[in-house]
Amino acid sequence: MLLPRQKTPNLTLPTLDHGAFDLSKEEAQRGTVICFYRGLHCPICANYLKELEKRVEDFASRGVNCIAVSSDGEERTRAMADKIEAKNLRFAYDLPLSVARDWGLYISTSRGKTSIGIEEPALFSEPGLFMVTPEQTLYYGSVQTMPFVRPHFSELLSALDFAIANDYPARGEYTGDV
């Protein structure tokens, strides 16, 4: 389990148009939002990523970078970026499932073709949304077992505004006896 205020796993992946992504070398004043998505086969992911695409500049204005990540290969990742008409959102691909598991993501098996007629990979990770500080510690995290009911980016932006204004720390850090 990832813990707030503790270092996250490393994350180094190729991207479609921005060279290699290396979380340890990200240069953003307040950190990076990492949106792990299921893959091209998921219509809910496409809608979710469209919403993130609309908000990339809002995050940037607050000193936060954004990236979408999946275990899909380059071709399927390019198809997803094209599908959502991405202009600002970075896309990383080839996420090893062992790394997905290090991030606490759930892994699912294929059920064949989805409702939009695209074959699911044999194995893929379920969604997760994280905000990681410039020091590569966890600030916010949400993982899901299914593609439904994800955090809203507008709410994350509002929370970020509150956190900035109030120097609000990451919460959930306690690991002692209860």
C-alpha atoms as a PDB file:
ATOM      1  CA  MET A   1       0.000   0.000   0.000  1.00  0.00           C
ATOM      2  CA  LEU A   2       1.291   3.455  -0.888  1.00  0.00           C
ATOM      3  CA  LEU A   3       1.416   5.880   2.009  1.00  0.00           C
ATOM      4  CA  PRO A   4       0.993   9.648   1.913  1.00  0.00           C
ATOM      5  CA  ARG A   5       4.199  11.597   2.531  1.00  0.00           C
ATOM      6  CA  GLN A   6       6.247   8.514   1.582  1.00  0.00           C
ATOM      7  CA  LYS A   7       8.183   8.017  -1.646  1.00  0.00           C
ATOM      8  CA  THR A   8       6.183   6.464  -4.459  1.00  0.00           C
ATOM      9  CA  PRO A   9       7.524   3.730  -6.715  1.00  0.00           C
ATOM     10  CA  ASN A  10       9.628   4.890  -9.620  1.00  0.00           C
ATOM     11  CA  LEU A  11       7.876   5.343 -12.923  1.00  0.00           C
ATOM     12  CA  THR A  12       9.846   5.527 -16.153  1.00  0.00           C
ATOM     13  CA  LEU A  13       7.981   4.961 -19.414  1.00  0.00           C
ATOM     14  CA  PRO A  14       8.028   5.980 -23.060  1.00  0.00           C
ATOM     15  CA  THR A  15       5.525   8.635 -24.160  1.00  0.00           C
ATOM     16  CA  LEU A  16       3.918   9.290 -27.493  1.00  0.00           C
ATOM     17  CA  ASP A  17       5.429  12.671 -28.255  1.00  0.00           C
ATOM     18  CA  HIS A  18       7.444  13.835 -25.264  1.00  0.00           C
ATOM     19  CA  GLY A  19      10.388  11.449 -24.980  1.00  0.00           C
ATOM     20  CA  ALA A  20      10.799   9.305 -21.904  1.00  0.00           C
ATOM     21  CA  PHE A  21       8.739  10.076 -18.811  1.00  0.00           C
ATOM     22  CA  ASP A  22      10.717   9.722 -15.587  1.00  0.00           C
ATOM     23  CA  LEU A  23       8.776  10.650 -12.466  1.00  0.00           C
ATOM     24  CA  SER A  24      11.988  11.274 -10.534  1.00  0.00           C
ATOM     25  CA  LYS A  25      12.958  13.972 -13.063  1.00  0.00           C
ATOM     26  CA  GLU A  26       9.596  15.721 -13.388  1.00  0.00           C
ATOM     27  CA  GLU A  27       9.949  19.464 -13.066  1.00  0.00           C
ATOM     28  CA  ALA A  28       6.733  20.956 -11.744  1.00  0.00           C
ATOM     29  CA  GLN A  29       6.356  23.418  -8.887  1.00  0.00           C
ATOM     30  CA  ARG A  30       3.711  21.360  -7.075  1.00  0.00           C
ATOM     31  CA  GLY A  31       3.948  17.900  -8.603  1.00  0.00           C
ATOM     32  CA  THR A  32       2.384  15.562 -11.116  1.00  0.00           C
ATOM     33  CA  VAL A  33      -1.070  14.071 -11.566  1.00  0.00           C
ATOM     34  CA  ILE A  34      -0.758  10.506 -12.850  1.00  0.00           C
ATOM     35  CA  CYS A  35      -3.928   9.052 -14.329  1.00  0.00           C
ATOM     36  CA  PHE A  36      -3.620   5.301 -14.801  1.00  0.00           C
ATOM     37  CA  TYR A  37      -6.303   4.103 -17.227  1.00  0.00           C
ATOM     38  CA  ARG A  38      -7.401   0.670 -18.401  1.00  0.00           C
ATOM     39  CA  GLY A  39      -6.611   1.058 -22.109  1.00  0.00           C
ATOM     40  CA  LEU A  40      -8.099   1.732 -25.526  1.00  0.00           C
ATOM     41  CA  HIS A  41     -10.765  -0.918 -24.973  1.00  0.00           C
ATOM     42  CA  CYS A  42     -12.444   1.128 -22.217  1.00  0.00           C
ATOM     43  CA  PRO A  43     -15.049   3.697 -23.332  1.00  0.00           C
ATOM     44  CA  ILE A  44     -15.299   5.073 -19.786  1.00  0.00           C
ATOM     45  CA  CYS A  45     -11.554   5.739 -19.824  1.00  0.00           C
ATOM     46  CA  ALA A  46     -11.912   7.677 -23.080  1.00  0.00           C
ATOM     47  CA  ASN A  47     -14.547   9.936 -21.544  1.00  0.00           C
ATOM     48  CA  TYR A  48     -12.483  10.360 -18.380  1.00  0.00           C
ATOM     49  CA  LEU A  49      -9.355  11.250 -20.349  1.00  0.00           C
ATOM     50  CA  LYS A  50     -11.338  13.768 -22.425  1.00  0.00           C
ATOM     51  CA  GLU A  51     -12.187  15.502 -19.170  1.00  0.00           C
ATOM     52  CA  LEU A  52      -8.544  15.461 -18.053  1.00  0.00           C
ATOM     53  CA  GLU A  53      -7.487  16.839 -21.443  1.00  0.00           C
ATOM     54  CA  LYS A  54      -9.790  19.822 -20.820  1.00  0.00           C
ATOM     55  CA  ARG A  55      -8.171  20.395 -17.407  1.00  0.00           C
ATOM     56  CA  VAL A  56      -4.450  20.021 -18.200  1.00  0.00           C
ATOM     57  CA  GLU A  57      -3.962  23.784 -18.486  1.00  0.00           C
ATOM     58  CA  ASP A  58      -5.889  24.345 -15.222  1.00  0.00           C
ATOM     59  CA  PHE A  59      -3.487  21.990 -13.455  1.00  0.00           C
ATOM     60  CA  ALA A  60      -0.497  23.634 -15.158  1.00  0.00           C
ATOM     61  CA  SER A  61      -1.615  27.059 -13.916  1.00  0.00           C
ATOM     62  CA  ARG A  62      -1.326  25.639 -10.389  1.00  0.00           C
ATOM     63  CA  GLY A  63       2.146  24.212 -11.007  1.00  0.00           C
ATOM     64  CA  VAL A  64       1.042  20.623 -11.632  1.00  0.00           C
ATOM     65  CA  ASN A  65       1.928  18.415 -14.617  1.00  0.00           C
ATOM     66  CA  CYS A  66      -0.400  15.673 -15.907  1.00  0.00           C
ATOM     67  CA  ILE A  67       0.154  12.340 -17.611  1.00  0.00           C
ATOM     68  CA  ALA A  68      -2.088   9.441 -18.644  1.00  0.00           C
ATOM     69  CA  VAL A  69      -0.584   5.947 -18.313  1.00  0.00           C
ATOM     70  CA  SER A  70      -1.643   2.467 -19.409  1.00  0.00           C
ATOM     71  CA  SER A  71      -0.186  -0.925 -20.186  1.00  0.00           C
ATOM     72  CA  ASP A  72      -1.283  -0.573 -23.812  1.00  0.00           C
ATOM     73  CA  GLY A  73       1.462  -0.494 -26.418  1.00  0.00           C
ATOM     74  CA  GLU A  74       2.323   2.522 -28.544  1.00  0.00           C
ATOM     75  CA  GLU A  75      -0.229   1.816 -31.299  1.00  0.00           C
ATOM     76  CA  ARG A  76      -3.232   1.467 -28.975  1.00  0.00           C
ATOM     77  CA  THR A  77      -2.065   4.456 -26.917  1.00  0.00           C
ATOM     78  CA  ARG A  78      -1.853   6.570 -30.074  1.00  0.00           C
ATOM     79  CA  ALA A  79      -5.375   5.454 -30.977  1.00  0.00           C
ATOM     80  CA  MET A  80      -6.625   6.581 -27.549  1.00  0.00           C
ATOM     81  CA  ALA A  81      -4.871   9.956 -27.824  1.00  0.00           C
ATOM     82  CA  ASP A  82      -6.410  10.420 -31.280  1.00  0.00           C
ATOM     83  CA  LYS A  83      -9.826   9.314 -30.038  1.00  0.00           C
ATOM     84  CA  ILE A  84      -9.920  11.982 -27.331  1.00  0.00           C
ATOM     85  CA  GLU A  85      -8.244  14.566 -29.609  1.00  0.00           C
ATOM     86  CA  ALA A  86      -5.412  15.086 -27.119  1.00  0.00           C
ATOM     87  CA  LYS A  87      -3.437  18.254 -27.599  1.00  0.00           C
ATOM     88  CA  ASN A  88      -2.094  18.923 -24.084  1.00  0.00           C
ATOM     89  CA  LEU A  89      -2.256  15.625 -22.218  1.00  0.00           C
ATOM     90  CA  ARG A  90       0.877  13.492 -22.251  1.00  0.00           C
ATOM     91  CA  PHE A  91       0.406   9.766 -22.819  1.00  0.00           C
ATOM     92  CA  ALA A  92       2.808   7.115 -21.525  1.00  0.00           C
ATOM     93  CA  TYR A  93       2.558   3.480 -22.575  1.00  0.00           C
ATOM     94  CA  ASP A  94       3.936  -0.014 -21.958  1.00  0.00           C
ATOM     95  CA  LEU A  95       3.311   0.112 -18.201  1.00  0.00           C
ATOM     96  CA  PRO A  96       4.589  -3.222 -16.848  1.00  0.00           C
ATOM     97  CA  LEU A  97       1.853  -4.843 -14.780  1.00  0.00           C
ATOM     98  CA  SER A  98       4.389  -5.508 -12.028  1.00  0.00           C
ATOM     99  CA  VAL A  99       4.847  -1.730 -11.760  1.00  0.00           C
ATOM    100  CA  ALA A 100       1.070  -1.228 -11.831  1.00  0.00           C
ATOM    101  CA  ARG A 101       0.863  -3.577  -8.875  1.00  0.00           C
ATOM    102  CA  ASP A 102       3.650  -1.635  -7.108  1.00  0.00           C
ATOM    103  CA  TRP A 103       1.354   1.409  -7.379  1.00  0.00           C
ATOM    104  CA  GLY A 104      -1.463  -0.588  -5.769  1.00  0.00           C
ATOM    105  CA  LEU A 105      -3.500  -0.949  -8.944  1.00  0.00           C
ATOM    106  CA  TYR A 106      -5.819  -3.899  -9.368  1.00  0.00           C
ATOM    107  CA  ILE A 107      -5.202  -6.238 -12.315  1.00  0.00           C
ATOM    108  CA  SER A 108      -8.043  -7.697 -14.398  1.00  0.00           C
ATOM    109  CA  THR A 109      -8.254 -10.492 -16.944  1.00  0.00           C
ATOM    110  CA  SER A 110      -9.779 -10.167 -20.395  1.00  0.00           C
ATOM    111  CA  ARG A 111     -13.455 -10.746 -20.978  1.00  0.00           C
ATOM    112  CA  GLY A 112     -13.075 -10.496 -24.759  1.00  0.00           C
ATOM    113  CA  LYS A 113     -14.495  -7.589 -26.732  1.00  0.00           C
ATOM    114  CA  THR A 114     -15.939  -4.606 -24.916  1.00  0.00           C
ATOM    115  CA  SER A 115     -19.173  -2.766 -25.672  1.00  0.00           C
ATOM    116  CA  ILE A 116     -17.315  -0.736 -28.310  1.00  0.00           C
ATOM    117  CA  GLY A 117     -15.977  -3.852 -30.046  1.00  0.00           C
ATOM    118  CA  ILE A 118     -12.338  -3.585 -28.969  1.00  0.00           C
ATOM    119  CA  GLU A 119     -10.567  -6.626 -27.559  1.00  0.00           C
ATOM    120  CA  GLU A 120      -9.350  -6.326 -23.984  1.00  0.00           C
ATOM    121  CA  PRO A 121      -5.710  -7.266 -23.386  1.00  0.00           C
ATOM    122  CA  ALA A 122      -5.161 -10.616 -21.631  1.00  0.00           C
ATOM    123  CA  LEU A 123      -4.264  -8.660 -18.464  1.00  0.00           C
ATOM    124  CA  PHE A 124      -4.545  -4.935 -17.727  1.00  0.00           C
ATOM    125  CA  SER A 125      -4.676  -2.613 -14.731  1.00  0.00           C
ATOM    126  CA  GLU A 126      -7.764  -0.957 -13.369  1.00  0.00           C
ATOM    127  CA  PRO A 127      -7.836   2.841 -12.893  1.00  0.00           C
ATOM    128  CA  GLY A 128      -5.877   4.858 -10.399  1.00  0.00           C
ATOM    129  CA  LEU A 129      -5.386   8.576  -9.912  1.00  0.00           C
ATOM    130  CA  PHE A 130      -2.427   9.956  -7.978  1.00  0.00           C
ATOM    131  CA  MET A 131      -0.904  13.305  -7.245  1.00  0.00           C
ATOM    132  CA  VAL A 132       2.796  13.049  -6.489  1.00  0.00           C
ATOM    133  CA  THR A 133       4.850  15.895  -5.025  1.00  0.00           C
ATOM    134  CA  PRO A 134       8.054  17.201  -6.642  1.00  0.00           C
ATOM    135  CA  GLU A 135       9.930  15.139  -4.015  1.00  0.00           C
ATOM    136  CA  GLN A 136       8.153  12.043  -5.413  1.00  0.00           C
ATOM    137  CA  THR A 137       6.037  11.487  -2.310  1.00  0.00           C
ATOM    138  CA  LEU A 138       2.365  10.614  -2.417  1.00  0.00           C
ATOM    139  CA  TYR A 139       0.030  13.553  -1.859  1.00  0.00           C
ATOM    140  CA  TYR A 140      -3.264  12.070  -3.098  1.00  0.00           C
ATOM    141  CA  GLY A 141      -4.259   8.623  -4.260  1.00  0.00           C
ATOM    142  CA  SER A 142      -7.364   6.805  -5.448  1.00  0.00           C
ATOM    143  CA  VAL A 143      -7.478   3.268  -6.842  1.00  0.00           C
ATOM    144  CA  GLN A 144     -10.480   1.378  -8.156  1.00  0.00           C
ATOM    145  CA  THR A 145     -11.469  -2.192  -8.817  1.00  0.00           C
ATOM    146  CA  MET A 146     -13.738  -1.209 -11.729  1.00  0.00           C
ATOM    147  CA  PRO A 147     -13.915   1.514 -14.366  1.00  0.00           C
ATOM    148  CA  PHE A 148     -16.906   3.222 -12.736  1.00  0.00           C
ATOM    149  CA  VAL A 149     -17.241   6.167 -10.318  1.00  0.00           C
ATOM    150  CA  ARG A 150     -13.924   7.972 -10.629  1.00  0.00           C
ATOM    151  CA  PRO A 151     -12.743  11.146  -8.904  1.00  0.00           C
ATOM    152  CA  HIS A 152     -13.752  14.350 -10.717  1.00  0.00           C
ATOM    153  CA  PHE A 153     -10.908  16.516 -11.948  1.00  0.00           C
ATOM    154  CA  SER A 154     -12.852  19.679 -11.080  1.00  0.00           C
ATOM    155  CA  GLU A 155     -13.011  18.498  -7.458  1.00  0.00           C
ATOM    156  CA  LEU A 156      -9.309  17.677  -7.456  1.00  0.00           C
ATOM    157  CA  LEU A 157      -8.583  21.198  -8.733  1.00  0.00           C
ATOM    158  CA  SER A 158     -10.755  22.724  -5.997  1.00  0.00           C
ATOM    159  CA  ALA A 159      -9.010  20.583  -3.393  1.00  0.00           C
ATOM    160  CA  LEU A 160      -5.654  21.634  -4.802  1.00  0.00           C
ATOM    161  CA  ASP A 161      -6.653  25.306  -4.500  1.00  0.00           C
ATOM    162  CA  PHE A 162      -7.594  24.730  -0.856  1.00  0.00           C
ATOM    163  CA  ALA A 163      -4.370  22.835  -0.171  1.00  0.00           C
ATOM    164  CA  ILE A 164      -2.260  25.594  -1.733  1.00  0.00           C
ATOM    165  CA  ALA A 165      -4.073  28.388   0.137  1.00  0.00           C
ATOM    166  CA  ASN A 166      -3.871  26.579   3.468  1.00  0.00           C
ATOM    167  CA  ASP A 167      -0.568  24.720   3.129  1.00  0.00           C
ATOM    168  CA  TYR A 168      -2.619  21.562   3.699  1.00  0.00           C
ATOM    169  CA  PRO A 169      -0.510  18.409   4.156  1.00  0.00           C
ATOM    170  CA  ALA A 170      -1.101  14.987   2.652  1.00  0.00           C
ATOM    171  CA  ARG A 171      -3.310  12.953   4.982  1.00  0.00           C
ATOM    172  CA  GLY A 172      -3.513   9.248   5.831  1.00  0.00           C
ATOM    173  CA  GLU A 173       0.160   9.016   6.823  1.00  0.00           C
ATOM    174  CA  TYR A 174      -0.300   7.321  10.223  1.00  0.00           C
ATOM    175  CA  THR A 175       1.009   3.748  10.411  1.00  0.00           C
ATOM    176  CA  GLY A 176       1.082   3.086  14.168  1.00  0.00           C
ATOM    177  CA  ASP A 177      -1.168   0.917  16.310  1.00  0.00           C
ATOM    178  CA  VAL A 178      -4.902   1.618  16.307  1.00  0.00           C
END
